Amino acid sequence: MGILLLPAFLAYAAAVIYGAIKSYKVIELHGVSLWLGLLLAAALICAIVPTLNVYFRFKDATSLWAFDVPISLLFNPIAAVLLVVSFAVLKSHWVISQPLPLPFSVTATGVLLGISVGTVLSLFFAEQLLGLDQLPRTH
């Protein structure tokens, strides 16, 4: 199972690093401003999404397969689409001659950072926070 989960985890870890670098550049260029508020709001909202997804998916479960939670987090289609769209917005200057306006770039950075950080943190803490660690495991 590690053959599937490790590359997906590394992709999310790379997204965390890339999002952190882009966030630092936004903070470095604009300081404490409206853009920082937009970045943090997008990141916080999107960081909650993976945990809520796990909660609503498994809230009525009576037992869990050993890898249910990690697979549902790492291979979540909503998170994958949001990451791809965010990365496409950030790299839109490759396709069009001028970059998108700053609000789109800052929001995309926040979404990228929030989804990736939320997924990585949920991998380690979602089962304990949601009480899923009390359910019996099947293998």
N, C-alpha and C. Protein backbone atom coordinates (compact mmCIF):
# COMPACT_ATOMS: atom_id res chain seq x y z
N MET A 1 0.82 -1.19 0.00
CA MET A 1 0.00 0.00 0.00
C MET A 1 0.87 1.25 0.00
N GLY A 2 2.07 1.14 0.52
CA GLY A 2 2.97 2.28 0.54
C GLY A 2 3.38 2.73 -0.86
N ILE A 3 3.34 1.80 -1.81
CA ILE A 3 3.68 2.15 -3.18
C ILE A 3 2.70 3.18 -3.73
N LEU A 4 1.45 3.12 -3.29
CA LEU A 4 0.45 4.09 -3.71
C LEU A 4 0.45 5.35 -2.86
N LEU A 5 0.57 5.17 -1.55
CA LEU A 5 0.41 6.30 -0.64
C LEU A 5 1.63 7.22 -0.59
N LEU A 6 2.83 6.67 -0.68
CA LEU A 6 4.03 7.49 -0.56
C LEU A 6 4.15 8.53 -1.67
N PRO A 7 3.97 8.18 -2.95
CA PRO A 7 4.05 9.23 -3.98
C PRO A 7 2.97 10.30 -3.82
N ALA A 8 1.78 9.91 -3.43
CA ALA A 8 0.72 10.89 -3.22
C ALA A 8 1.07 11.81 -2.05
N PHE A 9 1.60 11.23 -0.97
CA PHE A 9 2.03 12.04 0.18
C PHE A 9 3.14 13.00 -0.23
N LEU A 10 4.10 12.52 -1.02
CA LEU A 10 5.20 13.38 -1.45
C LEU A 10 4.70 14.52 -2.35
N ALA A 11 3.69 14.25 -3.15
CA ALA A 11 3.11 15.31 -3.99
C ALA A 11 2.47 16.39 -3.11
N TYR A 12 1.76 15.98 -2.08
CA TYR A 12 1.17 16.96 -1.16
C TYR A 12 2.25 17.70 -0.38
N ALA A 13 3.31 17.00 0.01
CA ALA A 13 4.41 17.66 0.72
C ALA A 13 5.09 18.69 -0.18
N ALA A 14 5.26 18.36 -1.45
CA ALA A 14 5.83 19.32 -2.40
C ALA A 14 4.89 20.53 -2.57
N ALA A 15 3.60 20.28 -2.57
CA ALA A 15 2.63 21.39 -2.67
C ALA A 15 2.70 22.28 -1.43
N VAL A 16 2.93 21.69 -0.26
CA VAL A 16 3.09 22.48 0.97
C VAL A 16 4.30 23.39 0.83
N ILE A 17 5.41 22.85 0.37
CA ILE A 17 6.63 23.65 0.24
C ILE A 17 6.44 24.75 -0.80
N TYR A 18 5.86 24.41 -1.96
CA TYR A 18 5.63 25.40 -3.00
C TYR A 18 4.67 26.49 -2.52
N GLY A 19 3.60 26.09 -1.84
CA GLY A 19 2.65 27.07 -1.30
C GLY A 19 3.27 27.96 -0.25
N ALA A 20 4.15 27.39 0.57
CA ALA A 20 4.83 28.19 1.60
C ALA A 20 5.77 29.21 0.96
N ILE A 21 6.47 28.81 -0.08
CA ILE A 21 7.37 29.74 -0.77
C ILE A 21 6.58 30.87 -1.42
N LYS A 22 5.48 30.53 -2.11
CA LYS A 22 4.65 31.55 -2.75
C LYS A 22 4.02 32.47 -1.69
N SER A 23 3.60 31.91 -0.57
CA SER A 23 3.01 32.73 0.51
C SER A 23 4.05 33.69 1.09
N TYR A 24 5.26 33.20 1.26
CA TYR A 24 6.33 34.06 1.76
C TYR A 24 6.58 35.22 0.80
N LYS A 25 6.54 34.94 -0.51
CA LYS A 25 6.74 36.01 -1.49
C LYS A 25 5.62 37.04 -1.43
N VAL A 26 4.39 36.59 -1.21
CA VAL A 26 3.27 37.53 -1.08
C VAL A 26 3.48 38.41 0.16
N ILE A 27 3.85 37.80 1.26
CA ILE A 27 4.07 38.55 2.50
C ILE A 27 5.26 39.49 2.36
N GLU A 28 6.32 39.03 1.69
CA GLU A 28 7.50 39.85 1.50
C GLU A 28 7.20 41.08 0.63
N LEU A 29 6.42 40.89 -0.42
CA LEU A 29 6.12 42.00 -1.34
C LEU A 29 5.09 42.98 -0.79
N HIS A 30 4.07 42.47 -0.08
CA HIS A 30 2.96 43.31 0.31
C HIS A 30 2.82 43.53 1.81
N GLY A 31 3.58 42.80 2.61
CA GLY A 31 3.53 42.99 4.05
C GLY A 31 2.17 42.63 4.63
N VAL A 32 1.85 43.24 5.75
CA VAL A 32 0.56 43.02 6.38
C VAL A 32 -0.44 43.94 5.68
N SER A 33 -1.28 43.34 4.88
CA SER A 33 -2.24 44.12 4.10
C SER A 33 -3.48 43.27 3.83
N LEU A 34 -4.32 43.77 2.98
CA LEU A 34 -5.51 43.05 2.58
C LEU A 34 -5.14 41.73 1.91
N TRP A 35 -4.02 41.71 1.19
CA TRP A 35 -3.60 40.50 0.48
C TRP A 35 -3.23 39.40 1.47
N LEU A 36 -2.62 39.77 2.57
CA LEU A 36 -2.30 38.77 3.60
C LEU A 36 -3.58 38.22 4.20
N GLY A 37 -4.57 39.07 4.44
CA GLY A 37 -5.86 38.61 4.95
C GLY A 37 -6.55 37.66 3.99
N LEU A 38 -6.51 37.98 2.70
CA LEU A 38 -7.09 37.11 1.68
C LEU A 38 -6.37 35.78 1.62
N LEU A 39 -5.05 35.82 1.69
CA LEU A 39 -4.24 34.60 1.68
C LEU A 39 -4.57 33.71 2.87
N LEU A 40 -4.61 34.29 4.06
CA LEU A 40 -4.88 33.52 5.27
C LEU A 40 -6.31 32.99 5.30
N ALA A 41 -7.27 33.78 4.84
CA ALA A 41 -8.66 33.34 4.81
C ALA A 41 -8.82 32.15 3.87
N ALA A 42 -8.24 32.24 2.69
CA ALA A 42 -8.34 31.13 1.73
C ALA A 42 -7.63 29.89 2.28
N ALA A 43 -6.48 30.08 2.90
CA ALA A 43 -5.72 28.94 3.44
C ALA A 43 -6.48 28.28 4.60
N LEU A 44 -7.05 29.06 5.50
CA LEU A 44 -7.75 28.49 6.65
C LEU A 44 -9.03 27.75 6.22
N ILE A 45 -9.77 28.35 5.31
CA ILE A 45 -10.99 27.68 4.83
C ILE A 45 -10.65 26.37 4.14
N CYS A 46 -9.64 26.41 3.29
CA CYS A 46 -9.27 25.20 2.54
C CYS A 46 -8.55 24.17 3.41
N ALA A 47 -7.97 24.57 4.51
CA ALA A 47 -7.31 23.60 5.39
C ALA A 47 -8.34 22.76 6.14
N ILE A 48 -9.54 23.28 6.32
CA ILE A 48 -10.59 22.56 7.03
C ILE A 48 -11.29 21.55 6.12
N VAL A 49 -11.26 21.80 4.82
CA VAL A 49 -12.00 20.97 3.86
C VAL A 49 -11.62 19.48 3.93
N PRO A 50 -10.34 19.10 3.93
CA PRO A 50 -10.04 17.66 3.98
C PRO A 50 -10.56 16.95 5.23
N THR A 51 -10.46 17.62 6.38
CA THR A 51 -10.94 17.01 7.61
C THR A 51 -12.46 16.87 7.60
N LEU A 52 -13.15 17.87 7.10
CA LEU A 52 -14.61 17.77 6.99
C LEU A 52 -15.03 16.67 6.02
N ASN A 53 -14.27 16.51 4.96
CA ASN A 53 -14.56 15.44 4.01
C ASN A 53 -14.46 14.07 4.67
N VAL A 54 -13.43 13.86 5.46
CA VAL A 54 -13.28 12.59 6.17
C VAL A 54 -14.41 12.41 7.17
N TYR A 55 -14.76 13.48 7.88
CA TYR A 55 -15.82 13.38 8.87
C TYR A 55 -17.15 12.98 8.23
N PHE A 56 -17.55 13.68 7.18
CA PHE A 56 -18.83 13.38 6.56
C PHE A 56 -18.84 12.02 5.85
N ARG A 57 -17.68 11.58 5.42
CA ARG A 57 -17.62 10.29 4.74
C ARG A 57 -17.72 9.13 5.72
N PHE A 58 -17.12 9.26 6.88
CA PHE A 58 -17.03 8.13 7.82
C PHE A 58 -17.80 8.33 9.11
N LYS A 59 -18.67 9.32 9.21
CA LYS A 59 -19.34 9.58 10.48
C LYS A 59 -20.28 8.46 10.90
N ASP A 60 -20.86 7.72 9.98
CA ASP A 60 -21.76 6.62 10.31
C ASP A 60 -21.11 5.25 10.18
N ALA A 61 -19.80 5.21 10.03
CA ALA A 61 -19.11 3.94 9.83
C ALA A 61 -19.08 3.13 11.13
N THR A 62 -19.21 1.83 10.99
CA THR A 62 -19.11 0.95 12.16
C THR A 62 -17.74 0.29 12.23
N SER A 63 -17.04 0.24 11.10
CA SER A 63 -15.66 -0.26 11.08
C SER A 63 -14.96 0.39 9.89
N LEU A 64 -13.64 0.40 9.97
CA LEU A 64 -12.84 1.01 8.91
C LEU A 64 -11.79 0.02 8.43
N TRP A 65 -11.53 0.07 7.14
CA TRP A 65 -10.40 -0.65 6.59
C TRP A 65 -9.15 0.10 7.03
N ALA A 66 -8.04 -0.55 7.14
CA ALA A 66 -6.84 0.06 7.71
C ALA A 66 -6.40 1.33 6.97
N PHE A 67 -6.63 1.39 5.65
CA PHE A 67 -6.16 2.53 4.88
C PHE A 67 -7.30 3.41 4.35
N ASP A 68 -8.49 3.31 4.92
CA ASP A 68 -9.62 4.11 4.44
C ASP A 68 -9.37 5.61 4.55
N VAL A 69 -8.94 6.07 5.70
CA VAL A 69 -8.76 7.50 5.92
C VAL A 69 -7.60 8.04 5.08
N PRO A 70 -6.41 7.42 5.07
CA PRO A 70 -5.34 7.96 4.22
C PRO A 70 -5.68 7.97 2.73
N ILE A 71 -6.34 6.93 2.26
CA ILE A 71 -6.70 6.90 0.84
C ILE A 71 -7.74 7.96 0.52
N SER A 72 -8.73 8.14 1.40
CA SER A 72 -9.74 9.15 1.12
C SER A 72 -9.16 10.57 1.19
N LEU A 73 -8.12 10.77 1.97
CA LEU A 73 -7.48 12.08 2.03
C LEU A 73 -6.56 12.32 0.84
N LEU A 74 -5.72 11.36 0.53
CA LEU A 74 -4.73 11.57 -0.52
C LEU A 74 -5.32 11.51 -1.92
N PHE A 75 -6.39 10.76 -2.10
CA PHE A 75 -6.97 10.62 -3.43
C PHE A 75 -8.36 11.27 -3.50
N ASN A 76 -8.52 12.36 -2.79
CA ASN A 76 -9.76 13.12 -2.79
C ASN A 76 -9.86 13.91 -4.10
N PRO A 77 -10.88 13.65 -4.92
CA PRO A 77 -10.96 14.35 -6.22
C PRO A 77 -11.19 15.85 -6.09
N ILE A 78 -11.91 16.28 -5.06
CA ILE A 78 -12.15 17.72 -4.89
C ILE A 78 -10.83 18.44 -4.58
N ALA A 79 -10.05 17.87 -3.68
CA ALA A 79 -8.76 18.48 -3.35
C ALA A 79 -7.82 18.45 -4.56
N ALA A 80 -7.85 17.37 -5.31
CA ALA A 80 -6.98 17.29 -6.49
C ALA A 80 -7.34 18.35 -7.52
N VAL A 81 -8.63 18.55 -7.76
CA VAL A 81 -9.06 19.57 -8.72
C VAL A 81 -8.67 20.96 -8.23
N LEU A 82 -8.87 21.23 -6.95
CA LEU A 82 -8.50 22.54 -6.40
C LEU A 82 -6.99 22.78 -6.51
N LEU A 83 -6.18 21.74 -6.27
CA LEU A 83 -4.74 21.90 -6.39
C LEU A 83 -4.33 22.16 -7.83
N VAL A 84 -4.91 21.42 -8.76
CA VAL A 84 -4.56 21.60 -10.17
C VAL A 84 -4.99 22.98 -10.66
N VAL A 85 -6.19 23.41 -10.30
CA VAL A 85 -6.66 24.74 -10.71
C VAL A 85 -5.79 25.83 -10.09
N SER A 86 -5.44 25.69 -8.83
CA SER A 86 -4.59 26.69 -8.17
C SER A 86 -3.22 26.78 -8.84
N PHE A 87 -2.65 25.62 -9.13
CA PHE A 87 -1.35 25.61 -9.80
C PHE A 87 -1.47 26.21 -11.20
N ALA A 88 -2.56 25.92 -11.91
CA ALA A 88 -2.76 26.48 -13.25
C ALA A 88 -2.90 28.00 -13.19
N VAL A 89 -3.59 28.50 -12.18
CA VAL A 89 -3.71 29.96 -12.04
C VAL A 89 -2.34 30.57 -11.75
N LEU A 90 -1.57 29.93 -10.89
CA LEU A 90 -0.25 30.47 -10.54
C LEU A 90 0.72 30.41 -11.72
N LYS A 91 0.54 29.45 -12.59
CA LYS A 91 1.43 29.30 -13.75
C LYS A 91 0.77 29.76 -15.05
N SER A 92 -0.25 30.59 -14.96
CA SER A 92 -0.97 31.03 -16.15
C SER A 92 -0.11 31.90 -17.06
N HIS A 93 0.95 32.48 -16.53
CA HIS A 93 1.83 33.30 -17.37
C HIS A 93 2.56 32.46 -18.41
N TRP A 94 2.57 31.14 -18.26
CA TRP A 94 3.15 30.28 -19.28
C TRP A 94 2.28 30.26 -20.54
N VAL A 95 0.97 30.45 -20.37
CA VAL A 95 0.03 30.34 -21.48
C VAL A 95 -0.33 31.71 -22.06
N ILE A 96 -0.64 32.65 -21.19
CA ILE A 96 -0.98 33.99 -21.66
C ILE A 96 0.19 34.92 -21.38
N SER A 97 0.24 35.99 -22.12
CA SER A 97 1.43 36.86 -22.05
C SER A 97 1.54 37.64 -20.75
N GLN A 98 0.44 37.91 -20.10
CA GLN A 98 0.50 38.67 -18.86
C GLN A 98 -0.11 37.86 -17.72
N PRO A 99 0.43 38.01 -16.53
CA PRO A 99 -0.11 37.25 -15.39
C PRO A 99 -1.51 37.73 -15.01
N LEU A 100 -2.23 36.88 -14.32
CA LEU A 100 -3.57 37.24 -13.85
C LEU A 100 -3.47 38.31 -12.77
N PRO A 101 -4.55 39.03 -12.50
CA PRO A 101 -4.52 40.06 -11.44
C PRO A 101 -4.15 39.45 -10.09
N LEU A 102 -3.64 40.30 -9.23
CA LEU A 102 -3.13 39.87 -7.93
C LEU A 102 -4.15 39.13 -7.07
N PRO A 103 -5.42 39.52 -7.00
CA PRO A 103 -6.35 38.75 -6.16
C PRO A 103 -6.46 37.28 -6.56
N PHE A 104 -6.41 36.98 -7.84
CA PHE A 104 -6.46 35.59 -8.29
C PHE A 104 -5.22 34.83 -7.84
N SER A 105 -4.08 35.47 -7.98
CA SER A 105 -2.82 34.82 -7.60
C SER A 105 -2.76 34.57 -6.09
N VAL A 106 -3.17 35.55 -5.30
CA VAL A 106 -3.12 35.40 -3.84
C VAL A 106 -4.12 34.34 -3.38
N THR A 107 -5.31 34.35 -3.96
CA THR A 107 -6.32 33.35 -3.59
C THR A 107 -5.85 31.94 -3.99
N ALA A 108 -5.27 31.82 -5.17
CA ALA A 108 -4.77 30.51 -5.61
C ALA A 108 -3.65 30.02 -4.70
N THR A 109 -2.80 30.93 -4.25
CA THR A 109 -1.74 30.55 -3.32
C THR A 109 -2.33 30.07 -2.00
N GLY A 110 -3.34 30.77 -1.50
CA GLY A 110 -3.99 30.37 -0.26
C GLY A 110 -4.69 29.03 -0.38
N VAL A 111 -5.36 28.79 -1.50
CA VAL A 111 -6.04 27.51 -1.72
C VAL A 111 -5.02 26.38 -1.81
N LEU A 112 -3.95 26.61 -2.56
CA LEU A 112 -2.89 25.60 -2.68
C LEU A 112 -2.29 25.26 -1.33
N LEU A 113 -1.95 26.29 -0.57
CA LEU A 113 -1.35 26.07 0.75
C LEU A 113 -2.35 25.43 1.70
N GLY A 114 -3.58 25.89 1.71
CA GLY A 114 -4.58 25.36 2.64
C GLY A 114 -4.92 23.90 2.38
N ILE A 115 -5.19 23.55 1.14
CA ILE A 115 -5.54 22.16 0.82
C ILE A 115 -4.37 21.23 1.13
N SER A 116 -3.17 21.63 0.75
CA SER A 116 -2.03 20.73 0.97
C SER A 116 -1.69 20.60 2.46
N VAL A 117 -1.69 21.70 3.19
CA VAL A 117 -1.41 21.63 4.64
C VAL A 117 -2.52 20.89 5.36
N GLY A 118 -3.77 21.16 4.98
CA GLY A 118 -4.90 20.47 5.61
C GLY A 118 -4.85 18.97 5.38
N THR A 119 -4.48 18.56 4.18
CA THR A 119 -4.39 17.14 3.88
C THR A 119 -3.26 16.48 4.66
N VAL A 120 -2.09 17.11 4.67
CA VAL A 120 -0.94 16.52 5.37
C VAL A 120 -1.22 16.44 6.88
N LEU A 121 -1.77 17.50 7.46
CA LEU A 121 -2.08 17.46 8.89
C LEU A 121 -3.20 16.46 9.20
N SER A 122 -4.18 16.37 8.31
CA SER A 122 -5.27 15.42 8.53
C SER A 122 -4.79 13.98 8.45
N LEU A 123 -3.76 13.73 7.66
CA LEU A 123 -3.21 12.37 7.61
C LEU A 123 -2.73 11.91 8.98
N PHE A 124 -2.19 12.83 9.74
CA PHE A 124 -1.64 12.48 11.04
C PHE A 124 -2.64 12.60 12.18
N PHE A 125 -3.62 13.54 12.07
CA PHE A 125 -4.46 13.84 13.22
C PHE A 125 -5.96 13.65 13.04
N ALA A 126 -6.44 13.39 11.83
CA ALA A 126 -7.89 13.34 11.60
C ALA A 126 -8.55 12.21 12.37
N GLU A 127 -7.94 11.06 12.40
CA GLU A 127 -8.56 9.92 13.08
C GLU A 127 -8.74 10.20 14.57
N GLN A 128 -7.75 10.82 15.20
CA GLN A 128 -7.86 11.12 16.62
C GLN A 128 -8.86 12.25 16.87
N LEU A 129 -8.84 13.28 16.04
CA LEU A 129 -9.74 14.42 16.24
C LEU A 129 -11.19 14.03 16.05
N LEU A 130 -11.47 13.17 15.09
CA LEU A 130 -12.84 12.80 14.77
C LEU A 130 -13.31 11.57 15.52
N GLY A 131 -12.44 10.97 16.31
CA GLY A 131 -12.82 9.78 17.06
C GLY A 131 -12.85 8.51 16.23
N LEU A 132 -12.28 8.54 15.05
CA LEU A 132 -12.28 7.37 14.19
C LEU A 132 -11.29 6.31 14.65
N ASP A 133 -10.37 6.69 15.53
CA ASP A 133 -9.41 5.71 16.03
C ASP A 133 -10.06 4.70 16.99
N GLN A 134 -11.29 4.97 17.43
CA GLN A 134 -12.01 4.04 18.31
C GLN A 134 -12.74 2.95 17.55
N LEU A 135 -12.89 3.11 16.23
CA LEU A 135 -13.60 2.11 15.42
C LEU A 135 -12.73 0.90 15.17
N PRO A 136 -13.34 -0.28 15.11
CA PRO A 136 -12.54 -1.48 14.79
C PRO A 136 -11.99 -1.42 13.38
N ARG A 137 -10.81 -2.01 13.20
CA ARG A 137 -10.13 -2.02 11.90
C ARG A 137 -10.28 -3.39 11.23
N THR A 138 -10.48 -3.34 9.94
CA THR A 138 -10.46 -4.57 9.15
C THR A 138 -9.26 -4.53 8.23
N HIS A 139 -8.71 -5.68 7.93
CA HIS A 139 -7.51 -5.73 7.08
C HIS A 139 -7.79 -6.54 5.84
